[in-house]
Full PDB file with SEQRES, HELIX, SHEET, SSBOND, CRYST1, ORIGX, SCALE, CONECT and MASTER records, all heavy atoms in Angstrom:
SEQRES   1 A   32  PRO ILE PHE LYS ASN ASP PHE ALA ARG PHE SER TYR ARG          
SEQRES   2 A   32  TRP LYS TYR VAL ASP GLY GLU TYR SER THR TYR ALA PRO          
SEQRES   3 A   32  PHE SER THR ALA ALA PHE                                      
CRYST1    1.000    1.000    1.000  90.00  90.00  90.00 P 1           1          
ORIGX1      1.000000  0.000000  0.000000        0.00000                         
ORIGX2      0.000000  1.000000  0.000000        0.00000                         
ORIGX3      0.000000  0.000000  1.000000        0.00000                         
SCALE1      1.000000  0.000000  0.000000        0.00000                         
SCALE2      0.000000  1.000000  0.000000        0.00000                         
SCALE3      0.000000  0.000000  1.000000        0.00000                         
ATOM      1  N   PRO A   1      11.933 -18.661  -5.565  1.00  0.00           N  
ATOM      2  CA  PRO A   1      11.234 -17.765  -4.644  1.00  0.00           C  
ATOM      3  C   PRO A   1      12.107 -17.412  -3.439  1.00  0.00           C  
ATOM      4  O   PRO A   1      12.783 -18.272  -2.867  1.00  0.00           O  
ATOM      5  CB  PRO A   1      10.019 -18.572  -4.206  1.00  0.00           C  
ATOM      6  CG  PRO A   1       9.773 -19.534  -5.320  1.00  0.00           C  
ATOM      7  CD  PRO A   1      11.146 -19.862  -5.858  1.00  0.00           C  
ATOM      8  N   ILE A   2      12.098 -16.147  -3.070  1.00  0.00           N  
ATOM      9  CA  ILE A   2      12.964 -15.657  -2.000  1.00  0.00           C  
ATOM     10  C   ILE A   2      12.427 -16.053  -0.624  1.00  0.00           C  
ATOM     11  O   ILE A   2      13.164 -16.514   0.233  1.00  0.00           O  
ATOM     12  CB  ILE A   2      13.096 -14.127  -2.099  1.00  0.00           C  
ATOM     13  CG1 ILE A   2      13.676 -13.736  -3.455  1.00  0.00           C  
ATOM     14  CG2 ILE A   2      13.964 -13.584  -0.976  1.00  0.00           C  
ATOM     15  CD1 ILE A   2      13.596 -12.257  -3.765  1.00  0.00           C  
ATOM     16  N   PHE A   3      11.147 -15.848  -0.397  1.00  0.00           N  
ATOM     17  CA  PHE A   3      10.525 -16.124   0.894  1.00  0.00           C  
ATOM     18  C   PHE A   3       9.392 -17.123   0.705  1.00  0.00           C  
ATOM     19  O   PHE A   3       8.227 -16.813   0.933  1.00  0.00           O  
ATOM     20  CB  PHE A   3       9.979 -14.826   1.506  1.00  0.00           C  
ATOM     21  CG  PHE A   3      11.019 -13.764   1.690  1.00  0.00           C  
ATOM     22  CD1 PHE A   3      11.038 -12.648   0.888  1.00  0.00           C  
ATOM     23  CD2 PHE A   3      11.983 -13.888   2.666  1.00  0.00           C  
ATOM     24  CE1 PHE A   3      11.988 -11.658   1.048  1.00  0.00           C  
ATOM     25  CE2 PHE A   3      12.940 -12.914   2.842  1.00  0.00           C  
ATOM     26  CZ  PHE A   3      12.945 -11.803   2.024  1.00  0.00           C  
ATOM     27  N   LYS A   4       9.723 -18.337   0.293  1.00  0.00           N  
ATOM     28  CA  LYS A   4       8.728 -19.322  -0.110  1.00  0.00           C  
ATOM     29  C   LYS A   4       7.643 -19.558   0.937  1.00  0.00           C  
ATOM     30  O   LYS A   4       6.473 -19.651   0.605  1.00  0.00           O  
ATOM     31  CB  LYS A   4       9.428 -20.636  -0.446  1.00  0.00           C  
ATOM     32  CG  LYS A   4       8.506 -21.671  -1.032  1.00  0.00           C  
ATOM     33  CD  LYS A   4       9.268 -22.892  -1.474  1.00  0.00           C  
ATOM     34  CE  LYS A   4       8.344 -23.912  -2.085  1.00  0.00           C  
ATOM     35  NZ  LYS A   4       9.058 -25.088  -2.539  1.00  0.00           N  
ATOM     36  N   ASN A   5       8.000 -19.659   2.198  1.00  0.00           N  
ATOM     37  CA  ASN A   5       7.035 -19.951   3.256  1.00  0.00           C  
ATOM     38  C   ASN A   5       6.967 -18.833   4.290  1.00  0.00           C  
ATOM     39  O   ASN A   5       6.846 -19.092   5.487  1.00  0.00           O  
ATOM     40  CB  ASN A   5       7.383 -21.266   3.949  1.00  0.00           C  
ATOM     41  CG  ASN A   5       7.291 -22.434   3.004  1.00  0.00           C  
ATOM     42  OD1 ASN A   5       6.310 -22.590   2.294  1.00  0.00           O  
ATOM     43  ND2 ASN A   5       8.316 -23.248   2.963  1.00  0.00           N  
ATOM     44  N   ASP A   6       7.053 -17.597   3.835  1.00  0.00           N  
ATOM     45  CA  ASP A   6       7.115 -16.482   4.773  1.00  0.00           C  
ATOM     46  C   ASP A   6       6.332 -15.288   4.227  1.00  0.00           C  
ATOM     47  O   ASP A   6       6.094 -15.179   3.026  1.00  0.00           O  
ATOM     48  CB  ASP A   6       8.570 -16.074   5.002  1.00  0.00           C  
ATOM     49  CG  ASP A   6       8.762 -15.303   6.290  1.00  0.00           C  
ATOM     50  OD1 ASP A   6       7.778 -15.087   7.026  1.00  0.00           O  
ATOM     51  OD2 ASP A   6       9.898 -14.913   6.568  1.00  0.00           O  
ATOM     52  N   PHE A   7       5.924 -14.426   5.125  1.00  0.00           N  
ATOM     53  CA  PHE A   7       5.302 -13.150   4.773  1.00  0.00           C  
ATOM     54  C   PHE A   7       6.280 -12.061   5.208  1.00  0.00           C  
ATOM     55  O   PHE A   7       6.229 -11.582   6.342  1.00  0.00           O  
ATOM     56  CB  PHE A   7       3.961 -12.964   5.490  1.00  0.00           C  
ATOM     57  CG  PHE A   7       2.897 -13.905   5.024  1.00  0.00           C  
ATOM     58  CD1 PHE A   7       2.650 -15.084   5.710  1.00  0.00           C  
ATOM     59  CD2 PHE A   7       2.150 -13.617   3.898  1.00  0.00           C  
ATOM     60  CE1 PHE A   7       1.656 -15.954   5.289  1.00  0.00           C  
ATOM     61  CE2 PHE A   7       1.158 -14.481   3.464  1.00  0.00           C  
ATOM     62  CZ  PHE A   7       0.914 -15.650   4.158  1.00  0.00           C  
ATOM     63  N   ALA A   8       7.176 -11.696   4.326  1.00  0.00           N  
ATOM     64  CA  ALA A   8       8.234 -10.739   4.651  1.00  0.00           C  
ATOM     65  C   ALA A   8       7.693  -9.315   4.701  1.00  0.00           C  
ATOM     66  O   ALA A   8       6.856  -8.926   3.897  1.00  0.00           O  
ATOM     67  CB  ALA A   8       9.341 -10.834   3.610  1.00  0.00           C  
ATOM     68  N   ARG A   9       8.194  -8.546   5.664  1.00  0.00           N  
ATOM     69  CA  ARG A   9       7.877  -7.121   5.789  1.00  0.00           C  
ATOM     70  C   ARG A   9       9.194  -6.360   5.926  1.00  0.00           C  
ATOM     71  O   ARG A   9      10.150  -6.875   6.495  1.00  0.00           O  
ATOM     72  CB  ARG A   9       7.001  -6.865   7.013  1.00  0.00           C  
ATOM     73  CG  ARG A   9       5.664  -7.556   6.919  1.00  0.00           C  
ATOM     74  CD  ARG A   9       4.895  -7.387   8.221  1.00  0.00           C  
ATOM     75  NE  ARG A   9       3.699  -8.202   8.223  1.00  0.00           N  
ATOM     76  CZ  ARG A   9       2.524  -7.793   7.775  1.00  0.00           C  
ATOM     77  NH1 ARG A   9       2.378  -6.583   7.298  1.00  0.00           N  
ATOM     78  NH2 ARG A   9       1.480  -8.592   7.804  1.00  0.00           N  
ATOM     79  N   PHE A  10       9.204  -5.133   5.418  1.00  0.00           N  
ATOM     80  CA  PHE A  10      10.437  -4.355   5.409  1.00  0.00           C  
ATOM     81  C   PHE A  10      10.225  -2.980   6.036  1.00  0.00           C  
ATOM     82  O   PHE A  10       9.119  -2.432   6.005  1.00  0.00           O  
ATOM     83  CB  PHE A  10      10.939  -4.180   3.967  1.00  0.00           C  
ATOM     84  CG  PHE A  10      11.280  -5.481   3.317  1.00  0.00           C  
ATOM     85  CD1 PHE A  10      10.348  -6.161   2.571  1.00  0.00           C  
ATOM     86  CD2 PHE A  10      12.535  -6.041   3.478  1.00  0.00           C  
ATOM     87  CE1 PHE A  10      10.650  -7.374   1.974  1.00  0.00           C  
ATOM     88  CE2 PHE A  10      12.849  -7.254   2.901  1.00  0.00           C  
ATOM     89  CZ  PHE A  10      11.907  -7.917   2.146  1.00  0.00           C  
ATOM     90  N   SER A  11      11.301  -2.449   6.574  1.00  0.00           N  
ATOM     91  CA  SER A  11      11.306  -1.118   7.156  1.00  0.00           C  
ATOM     92  C   SER A  11      12.719  -0.560   7.025  1.00  0.00           C  
ATOM     93  O   SER A  11      13.577  -1.173   6.387  1.00  0.00           O  
ATOM     94  CB  SER A  11      10.879  -1.176   8.627  1.00  0.00           C  
ATOM     95  OG  SER A  11      10.877   0.131   9.186  1.00  0.00           O  
ATOM     96  N   TYR A  12      12.959   0.559   7.657  1.00  0.00           N  
ATOM     97  CA  TYR A  12      14.310   1.127   7.680  1.00  0.00           C  
ATOM     98  C   TYR A  12      14.477   1.971   8.939  1.00  0.00           C  
ATOM     99  O   TYR A  12      13.509   2.314   9.618  1.00  0.00           O  
ATOM    100  CB  TYR A  12      14.573   1.987   6.427  1.00  0.00           C  
ATOM    101  CG  TYR A  12      13.714   3.224   6.324  1.00  0.00           C  
ATOM    102  CD1 TYR A  12      14.160   4.444   6.822  1.00  0.00           C  
ATOM    103  CD2 TYR A  12      12.453   3.169   5.744  1.00  0.00           C  
ATOM    104  CE1 TYR A  12      13.368   5.580   6.731  1.00  0.00           C  
ATOM    105  CE2 TYR A  12      11.660   4.296   5.649  1.00  0.00           C  
ATOM    106  CZ  TYR A  12      12.124   5.499   6.147  1.00  0.00           C  
ATOM    107  OH  TYR A  12      11.347   6.619   6.067  1.00  0.00           O  
ATOM    108  N   ARG A  13      15.714   2.269   9.248  1.00  0.00           N  
ATOM    109  CA  ARG A  13      16.029   3.217  10.310  1.00  0.00           C  
ATOM    110  C   ARG A  13      17.326   3.914   9.935  1.00  0.00           C  
ATOM    111  O   ARG A  13      18.104   3.430   9.111  1.00  0.00           O  
ATOM    112  CB  ARG A  13      16.133   2.542  11.673  1.00  0.00           C  
ATOM    113  CG  ARG A  13      17.333   1.622  11.840  1.00  0.00           C  
ATOM    114  CD  ARG A  13      17.367   1.058  13.220  1.00  0.00           C  
ATOM    115  NE  ARG A  13      18.494   0.149  13.368  1.00  0.00           N  
ATOM    116  CZ  ARG A  13      18.805  -0.439  14.498  1.00  0.00           C  
ATOM    117  NH1 ARG A  13      18.092  -0.234  15.574  1.00  0.00           N  
ATOM    118  NH2 ARG A  13      19.834  -1.251  14.560  1.00  0.00           N  
ATOM    119  N   TRP A  14      17.558   5.054  10.553  1.00  0.00           N  
ATOM    120  CA  TRP A  14      18.754   5.838  10.276  1.00  0.00           C  
ATOM    121  C   TRP A  14      19.783   5.637  11.372  1.00  0.00           C  
ATOM    122  O   TRP A  14      19.442   5.514  12.543  1.00  0.00           O  
ATOM    123  CB  TRP A  14      18.420   7.317  10.208  1.00  0.00           C  
ATOM    124  CG  TRP A  14      17.429   7.662   9.153  1.00  0.00           C  
ATOM    125  CD1 TRP A  14      17.186   6.988   7.992  1.00  0.00           C  
ATOM    126  CD2 TRP A  14      16.528   8.765   9.167  1.00  0.00           C  
ATOM    127  NE1 TRP A  14      16.206   7.608   7.274  1.00  0.00           N  
ATOM    128  CE2 TRP A  14      15.778   8.712   7.962  1.00  0.00           C  
ATOM    129  CE3 TRP A  14      16.275   9.803  10.046  1.00  0.00           C  
ATOM    130  CZ2 TRP A  14      14.816   9.643   7.646  1.00  0.00           C  
ATOM    131  CZ3 TRP A  14      15.318  10.734   9.723  1.00  0.00           C  
ATOM    132  CH2 TRP A  14      14.602  10.647   8.536  1.00  0.00           C  
ATOM    133  N   LYS A  15      21.052   5.623  11.001  1.00  0.00           N  
ATOM    134  CA  LYS A  15      22.148   5.632  11.966  1.00  0.00           C  
ATOM    135  C   LYS A  15      22.820   6.991  11.853  1.00  0.00           C  
ATOM    136  O   LYS A  15      23.243   7.406  10.776  1.00  0.00           O  
ATOM    137  CB  LYS A  15      23.165   4.531  11.682  1.00  0.00           C  
ATOM    138  CG  LYS A  15      24.304   4.534  12.684  1.00  0.00           C  
ATOM    139  CD  LYS A  15      25.316   3.445  12.399  1.00  0.00           C  
ATOM    140  CE  LYS A  15      26.442   3.536  13.410  1.00  0.00           C  
ATOM    141  NZ  LYS A  15      27.511   2.593  13.084  1.00  0.00           N  
ATOM    142  N   TYR A  16      22.894   7.682  12.971  1.00  0.00           N  
ATOM    143  CA  TYR A  16      23.458   9.022  12.996  1.00  0.00           C  
ATOM    144  C   TYR A  16      24.975   8.970  13.198  1.00  0.00           C  
ATOM    145  O   TYR A  16      25.518   7.945  13.645  1.00  0.00           O  
ATOM    146  CB  TYR A  16      22.812   9.846  14.114  1.00  0.00           C  
ATOM    147  CG  TYR A  16      21.327  10.035  13.911  1.00  0.00           C  
ATOM    148  CD1 TYR A  16      20.413   9.220  14.567  1.00  0.00           C  
ATOM    149  CD2 TYR A  16      20.848  11.007  13.058  1.00  0.00           C  
ATOM    150  CE1 TYR A  16      19.048   9.385  14.373  1.00  0.00           C  
ATOM    151  CE2 TYR A  16      19.486  11.179  12.854  1.00  0.00           C  
ATOM    152  CZ  TYR A  16      18.595  10.367  13.518  1.00  0.00           C  
ATOM    153  OH  TYR A  16      17.254  10.517  13.323  1.00  0.00           O  
ATOM    154  N   VAL A  17      25.653  10.067  12.899  1.00  0.00           N  
ATOM    155  CA  VAL A  17      27.120  10.115  13.006  1.00  0.00           C  
ATOM    156  C   VAL A  17      27.600   9.906  14.440  1.00  0.00           C  
ATOM    157  O   VAL A  17      28.727   9.460  14.653  1.00  0.00           O  
ATOM    158  CB  VAL A  17      27.689  11.439  12.437  1.00  0.00           C  
ATOM    159  CG1 VAL A  17      27.487  11.512  10.945  1.00  0.00           C  
ATOM    160  CG2 VAL A  17      27.088  12.644  13.125  1.00  0.00           C  
ATOM    161  N   ASP A  18      26.761  10.182  15.448  1.00  0.00           N  
ATOM    162  CA  ASP A  18      27.163   9.976  16.845  1.00  0.00           C  
ATOM    163  C   ASP A  18      26.923   8.545  17.321  1.00  0.00           C  
ATOM    164  O   ASP A  18      27.087   8.227  18.491  1.00  0.00           O  
ATOM    165  CB  ASP A  18      26.456  10.978  17.759  1.00  0.00           C  
ATOM    166  CG  ASP A  18      24.944  10.802  17.792  1.00  0.00           C  
ATOM    167  OD1 ASP A  18      24.412   9.902  17.094  1.00  0.00           O  
ATOM    168  OD2 ASP A  18      24.284  11.564  18.521  1.00  0.00           O  
ATOM    169  N   GLY A  19      26.517   7.629  16.399  1.00  0.00           N  
ATOM    170  CA  GLY A  19      26.310   6.222  16.753  1.00  0.00           C  
ATOM    171  C   GLY A  19      24.899   5.891  17.213  1.00  0.00           C  
ATOM    172  O   GLY A  19      24.590   4.730  17.443  1.00  0.00           O  
ATOM    173  N   GLU A  20      24.045   6.877  17.393  1.00  0.00           N  
ATOM    174  CA  GLU A  20      22.658   6.648  17.790  1.00  0.00           C  
ATOM    175  C   GLU A  20      21.831   6.199  16.586  1.00  0.00           C  
ATOM    176  O   GLU A  20      22.204   6.430  15.439  1.00  0.00           O  
ATOM    177  CB  GLU A  20      22.056   7.930  18.378  1.00  0.00           C  
ATOM    178  CG  GLU A  20      22.750   8.408  19.642  1.00  0.00           C  
ATOM    179  CD  GLU A  20      22.473   7.523  20.837  1.00  0.00           C  
ATOM    180  OE1 GLU A  20      21.344   7.007  20.950  1.00  0.00           O  
ATOM    181  OE2 GLU A  20      23.384   7.337  21.654  1.00  0.00           O  
ATOM    182  N   TYR A  21      20.683   5.567  16.872  1.00  0.00           N  
ATOM    183  CA  TYR A  21      19.777   5.092  15.819  1.00  0.00           C  
ATOM    184  C   TYR A  21      18.411   5.741  15.990  1.00  0.00           C  
ATOM    185  O   TYR A  21      17.979   6.005  17.110  1.00  0.00           O  
ATOM    186  CB  TYR A  21      19.606   3.569  15.896  1.00  0.00           C  
ATOM    187  CG  TYR A  21      20.832   2.808  15.498  1.00  0.00           C  
ATOM    188  CD1 TYR A  21      21.803   2.481  16.431  1.00  0.00           C  
ATOM    189  CD2 TYR A  21      21.021   2.414  14.184  1.00  0.00           C  
ATOM    190  CE1 TYR A  21      22.935   1.771  16.063  1.00  0.00           C  
ATOM    191  CE2 TYR A  21      22.147   1.707  13.802  1.00  0.00           C  
ATOM    192  CZ  TYR A  21      23.100   1.395  14.747  1.00  0.00           C  
ATOM    193  OH  TYR A  21      24.221   0.700  14.379  1.00  0.00           O  
ATOM    194  N   SER A  22      17.725   5.921  14.884  1.00  0.00           N  
ATOM    195  CA  SER A  22      16.347   6.404  14.935  1.00  0.00           C  
ATOM    196  C   SER A  22      15.429   5.243  15.299  1.00  0.00           C  
ATOM    197  O   SER A  22      15.851   4.086  15.338  1.00  0.00           O  
ATOM    198  CB  SER A  22      15.936   6.977  13.573  1.00  0.00           C  
ATOM    199  OG  SER A  22      15.808   5.926  12.618  1.00  0.00           O  
ATOM    200  N   THR A  23      14.178   5.550  15.522  1.00  0.00           N  
ATOM    201  CA  THR A  23      13.192   4.485  15.689  1.00  0.00           C  
ATOM    202  C   THR A  23      12.950   3.841  14.326  1.00  0.00           C  
ATOM    203  O   THR A  23      13.328   4.396  13.294  1.00  0.00           O  
ATOM    204  CB  THR A  23      11.867   5.038  16.230  1.00  0.00           C  
ATOM    205  OG1 THR A  23      11.386   6.017  15.321  1.00  0.00           O  
ATOM    206  CG2 THR A  23      12.053   5.648  17.601  1.00  0.00           C  
ATOM    207  N   TYR A  24      12.324   2.692  14.315  1.00  0.00           N  
ATOM    208  CA  TYR A  24      11.992   2.036  13.052  1.00  0.00           C  
ATOM    209  C   TYR A  24      10.893   2.827  12.340  1.00  0.00           C  
ATOM    210  O   TYR A  24       9.953   3.290  12.976  1.00  0.00           O  
ATOM    211  CB  TYR A  24      11.457   0.618  13.267  1.00  0.00           C  
ATOM    212  CG  TYR A  24      12.382  -0.322  13.988  1.00  0.00           C  
ATOM    213  CD1 TYR A  24      11.869  -1.400  14.684  1.00  0.00           C  
ATOM    214  CD2 TYR A  24      13.756  -0.158  13.978  1.00  0.00           C  
ATOM    215  CE1 TYR A  24      12.685  -2.289  15.339  1.00  0.00           C  
ATOM    216  CE2 TYR A  24      14.594  -1.044  14.631  1.00  0.00           C  
ATOM    217  CZ  TYR A  24      14.046  -2.102  15.311  1.00  0.00           C  
ATOM    218  OH  TYR A  24      14.868  -2.976  15.954  1.00  0.00           O  
ATOM    219  N   ALA A  25      11.000   2.915  11.043  1.00  0.00           N  
ATOM    220  CA  ALA A  25       9.884   3.435  10.246  1.00  0.00           C  
ATOM    221  C   ALA A  25       8.809   2.348  10.244  1.00  0.00           C  
ATOM    222  O   ALA A  25       9.092   1.186  10.554  1.00  0.00           O  
ATOM    223  CB  ALA A  25      10.354   3.735   8.830  1.00  0.00           C  
ATOM    224  N   PRO A  26       7.579   2.690   9.895  1.00  0.00           N  
ATOM    225  CA  PRO A  26       6.540   1.647   9.844  1.00  0.00           C  
ATOM    226  C   PRO A  26       6.931   0.531   8.864  1.00  0.00           C  
ATOM    227  O   PRO A  26       7.537   0.798   7.826  1.00  0.00           O  
ATOM    228  CB  PRO A  26       5.302   2.396   9.338  1.00  0.00           C  
ATOM    229  CG  PRO A  26       5.560   3.821   9.667  1.00  0.00           C  
ATOM    230  CD  PRO A  26       7.043   4.004   9.580  1.00  0.00           C  
ATOM    231  N   PHE A  27       6.590  -0.694   9.204  1.00  0.00           N  
ATOM    232  CA  PHE A  27       6.887  -1.821   8.321  1.00  0.00           C  
ATOM    233  C   PHE A  27       5.914  -1.826   7.151  1.00  0.00           C  
ATOM    234  O   PHE A  27       4.769  -1.383   7.268  1.00  0.00           O  
ATOM    235  CB  PHE A  27       6.821  -3.147   9.084  1.00  0.00           C  
ATOM    236  CG  PHE A  27       8.079  -3.441   9.841  1.00  0.00           C  
ATOM    237  CD1 PHE A  27       8.288  -2.927  11.103  1.00  0.00           C  
ATOM    238  CD2 PHE A  27       9.075  -4.221   9.272  1.00  0.00           C  
ATOM    239  CE1 PHE A  27       9.453  -3.183  11.791  1.00  0.00           C  
ATOM    240  CE2 PHE A  27      10.244  -4.491   9.950  1.00  0.00           C  
ATOM    241  CZ  PHE A  27      10.437  -3.969  11.214  1.00  0.00           C  
ATOM    242  N   SER A  28       6.383  -2.343   6.042  1.00  0.00           N  
ATOM    243  CA  SER A  28       5.558  -2.447   4.835  1.00  0.00           C  
ATOM    244  C   SER A  28       4.477  -3.506   5.034  1.00  0.00           C  
ATOM    245  O   SER A  28       4.508  -4.274   5.989  1.00  0.00           O  
ATOM    246  CB  SER A  28       6.433  -2.837   3.638  1.00  0.00           C  
ATOM    247  OG  SER A  28       6.921  -4.169   3.814  1.00  0.00           O  
ATOM    248  N   THR A  29       3.559  -3.552   4.109  1.00  0.00           N  
ATOM    249  CA  THR A  29       2.620  -4.666   4.081  1.00  0.00           C  
ATOM    250  C   THR A  29       3.415  -5.910   3.679  1.00  0.00           C  
ATOM    251  O   THR A  29       4.538  -5.811   3.182  1.00  0.00           O  
ATOM    252  CB  THR A  29       1.480  -4.426   3.075  1.00  0.00           C  
ATOM    253  OG1 THR A  29       2.052  -4.198   1.795  1.00  0.00           O  
ATOM    254  CG2 THR A  29       0.639  -3.221   3.477  1.00  0.00           C  
ATOM    255  N   ALA A  30       2.855  -7.068   3.889  1.00  0.00           N  
ATOM    256  CA  ALA A  30       3.560  -8.316   3.581  1.00  0.00           C  
ATOM    257  C   ALA A  30       3.873  -8.396   2.095  1.00  0.00           C  
ATOM    258  O   ALA A  30       3.024  -8.135   1.252  1.00  0.00           O  
ATOM    259  CB  ALA A  30       2.729  -9.514   4.000  1.00  0.00           C  
ATOM    260  N   ALA A  31       5.112  -8.758   1.791  1.00  0.00           N  
ATOM    261  CA  ALA A  31       5.530  -8.968   0.402  1.00  0.00           C  
ATOM    262  C   ALA A  31       5.184 -10.411   0.048  1.00  0.00           C  
ATOM    263  O   ALA A  31       5.915 -11.333   0.397  1.00  0.00           O  
ATOM    264  CB  ALA A  31       7.025  -8.701   0.262  1.00  0.00           C  
ATOM    265  N   PHE A  32       4.069 -10.595  -0.627  1.00  0.00           N  
ATOM    266  CA  PHE A  32       3.576 -11.945  -0.889  1.00  0.00           C  
ATOM    267  C   PHE A  32       2.861 -11.986  -2.233  1.00  0.00           C  
ATOM    268  O   PHE A  32       1.990 -11.166  -2.504  1.00  0.00           O  
ATOM    269  CB  PHE A  32       2.613 -12.391   0.213  1.00  0.00           C  
ATOM    270  CG  PHE A  32       2.088 -13.778   0.034  1.00  0.00           C  
ATOM    271  CD1 PHE A  32       2.847 -14.872   0.414  1.00  0.00           C  
ATOM    272  CD2 PHE A  32       0.844 -14.001  -0.530  1.00  0.00           C  
ATOM    273  CE1 PHE A  32       2.362 -16.168   0.244  1.00  0.00           C  
ATOM    274  CE2 PHE A  32       0.356 -15.284  -0.701  1.00  0.00           C  
ATOM    275  CZ  PHE A  32       1.121 -16.367  -0.315  1.00  0.00           C  
TER     276      PHE A  32                                                      
MASTER        0    0    0    0    0    0    0    6  275    1    0    3          
END                                                                             
């Protein structure tokens, strides 16, 4: 098991060519 004692959530963000970052996308529901 990858996250045996955890409720993992995932999201993403973009990195632009000028070095700036976007805000986080909404996190997923818990992967459990």
